[in-house]
Protein backbone atom coordinates (compact mmCIF):
# COMPACT_ATOMS: atom_id res chain seq x y z
CA MET A 1 -23.09 7.90 -0.98
CA LYS A 2 -21.77 3.98 -1.07
CA ALA A 3 -18.01 3.50 -1.01
CA VAL A 4 -16.18 3.60 -4.27
CA ALA A 5 -13.31 1.45 -5.42
CA LEU A 6 -10.51 3.80 -7.07
CA ILE A 7 -8.00 1.36 -7.94
CA GLN A 8 -8.01 -2.79 -7.95
CA ALA A 9 -5.04 -4.05 -9.78
CA ARG A 10 -2.45 -6.42 -9.82
CA VAL A 11 1.10 -5.27 -11.79
CA THR A 12 3.47 -7.91 -12.98
CA TYR A 13 7.32 -6.64 -11.94
CA SER A 14 9.16 -10.01 -12.83
CA GLU A 15 7.92 -13.85 -12.79
CA ASN A 16 8.77 -13.97 -9.21
CA ALA A 17 7.29 -10.59 -7.93
CA PHE A 18 3.87 -8.39 -8.66
CA ALA A 19 2.46 -5.64 -6.64
CA GLU A 20 -1.66 -5.88 -5.59
CA LEU A 21 -2.93 -2.41 -5.49
CA VAL A 22 -6.67 -2.08 -3.58
CA LEU A 23 -7.72 1.78 -3.11
CA TRP A 24 -11.32 2.86 -1.70
CA ARG A 25 -12.76 6.25 -1.19
CA LEU A 26 -15.35 5.45 2.09
CA PRO A 27 -18.83 7.57 2.41
CA LYS A 28 -17.24 8.62 5.87
CA PRO A 29 -13.69 8.44 7.76
CA MET A 30 -12.71 5.07 9.23
CA THR A 31 -12.40 5.01 13.14
CA GLY A 32 -8.62 6.02 13.52
CA SER A 33 -8.29 7.72 10.10
CA PRO A 34 -8.69 11.73 9.54
CA HIS A 35 -8.89 11.10 5.78
CA ARG A 36 -12.38 9.23 3.43
CA PHE A 37 -9.86 6.61 2.39
CA LYS A 38 -9.34 2.14 2.72
CA TYR A 39 -6.08 1.04 0.88
CA ARG A 40 -3.99 -2.02 0.84
CA LEU A 41 -0.94 -2.18 -0.94
CA ALA A 42 1.27 -4.94 -0.85
CA TYR A 43 4.40 -5.91 -3.09
CA VAL A 44 5.29 -9.72 -3.38
CA VAL A 45 8.35 -11.39 -4.35
CA HIS A 46 9.03 -14.97 -4.51
CA GLY A 47 5.70 -15.65 -2.83
CA VAL A 48 6.32 -13.48 0.28
CA CYS A 49 4.91 -10.11 1.03
CA VAL A 50 7.81 -8.00 1.43
CA LEU A 51 6.12 -4.42 1.66
CA ARG A 52 2.77 -2.90 3.03
CA TYR A 53 1.02 -0.03 3.23
CA ASP A 54 -2.64 -0.21 4.84
CA ASN A 55 -5.01 1.67 7.37
CA GLU A 56 -6.65 -1.57 9.77
CA THR A 57 -9.70 0.48 11.44
CA GLY A 58 -8.28 1.46 14.36
CA LYS A 59 -4.88 1.24 13.69
CA GLY A 60 -4.51 4.36 10.91
CA ASP A 61 -2.56 4.54 8.53
CA HIS A 62 1.44 3.10 7.86
CA ARG A 63 3.37 0.71 5.86
CA HIS A 64 5.63 -2.70 6.79
CA PHE A 65 9.28 -2.30 5.62
CA TYR A 66 11.57 -5.00 6.00
CA GLY A 67 9.65 -6.31 8.92
CA LYS A 68 8.90 -3.82 10.64
CA GLU A 69 5.65 -1.18 10.99
CA ARG A 70 6.00 1.97 10.97
CA ALA A 71 3.03 5.01 10.80
CA TYR A 72 2.67 6.52 7.39
CA VAL A 73 1.65 10.16 7.37
CA PHE A 74 -1.10 9.73 4.47
CA THR A 75 -1.87 12.53 2.22
CA THR A 76 -3.80 11.98 -1.16
CA PRO A 77 -4.33 8.90 -3.16
CA ASP A 78 -1.35 10.07 -5.72
CA GLN A 79 0.97 10.47 -3.57
CA LEU A 80 0.59 7.05 -1.21
CA VAL A 81 1.22 5.08 -5.05
CA ALA A 82 4.00 7.21 -5.02
CA ASP A 83 5.92 6.49 -1.80
CA PHE A 84 4.37 3.07 -2.53
CA GLN A 85 6.25 2.93 -6.36
CA HIS A 86 9.13 4.36 -4.17
CA ASP A 87 9.80 2.04 -1.96
CA ILE A 88 9.36 -1.17 -4.26
CA ALA A 89 12.13 0.74 -6.33
CA ARG A 90 14.51 0.90 -3.13
CA TRP A 91 13.56 -2.72 -2.15
CA ASN A 92 14.62 -4.07 -5.45
CA ASN A 93 17.83 -1.93 -5.24
CA GLU A 94 18.85 -3.17 -2.20
CA ASN A 95 17.67 -6.30 -3.22
CA ARG A 96 19.41 -6.65 -6.55
CA ASN A 97 16.02 -6.57 -8.69
CA PRO A 98 13.98 -9.73 -7.57
């Protein structure tokens, strides 16, 4: 089985903000990960990545938010996207919509 792209999308939120979502199902888990998904979800405002969820090989699931990197507990692809969208809404609310 080869890696399968599940999501490859760019979502425009405003003239100055967009999200990029990339999610793959892998034939086997990556080093440091208990699941078979590879992902990178980023929210960019005025050319700066203000939010990112990813799972680098050997580093595991984590998110970058307000300049801090913290572990992220991955459960399902749907929950990953929901958590990402929740954080986008939170960032926009706290930063008065880009």
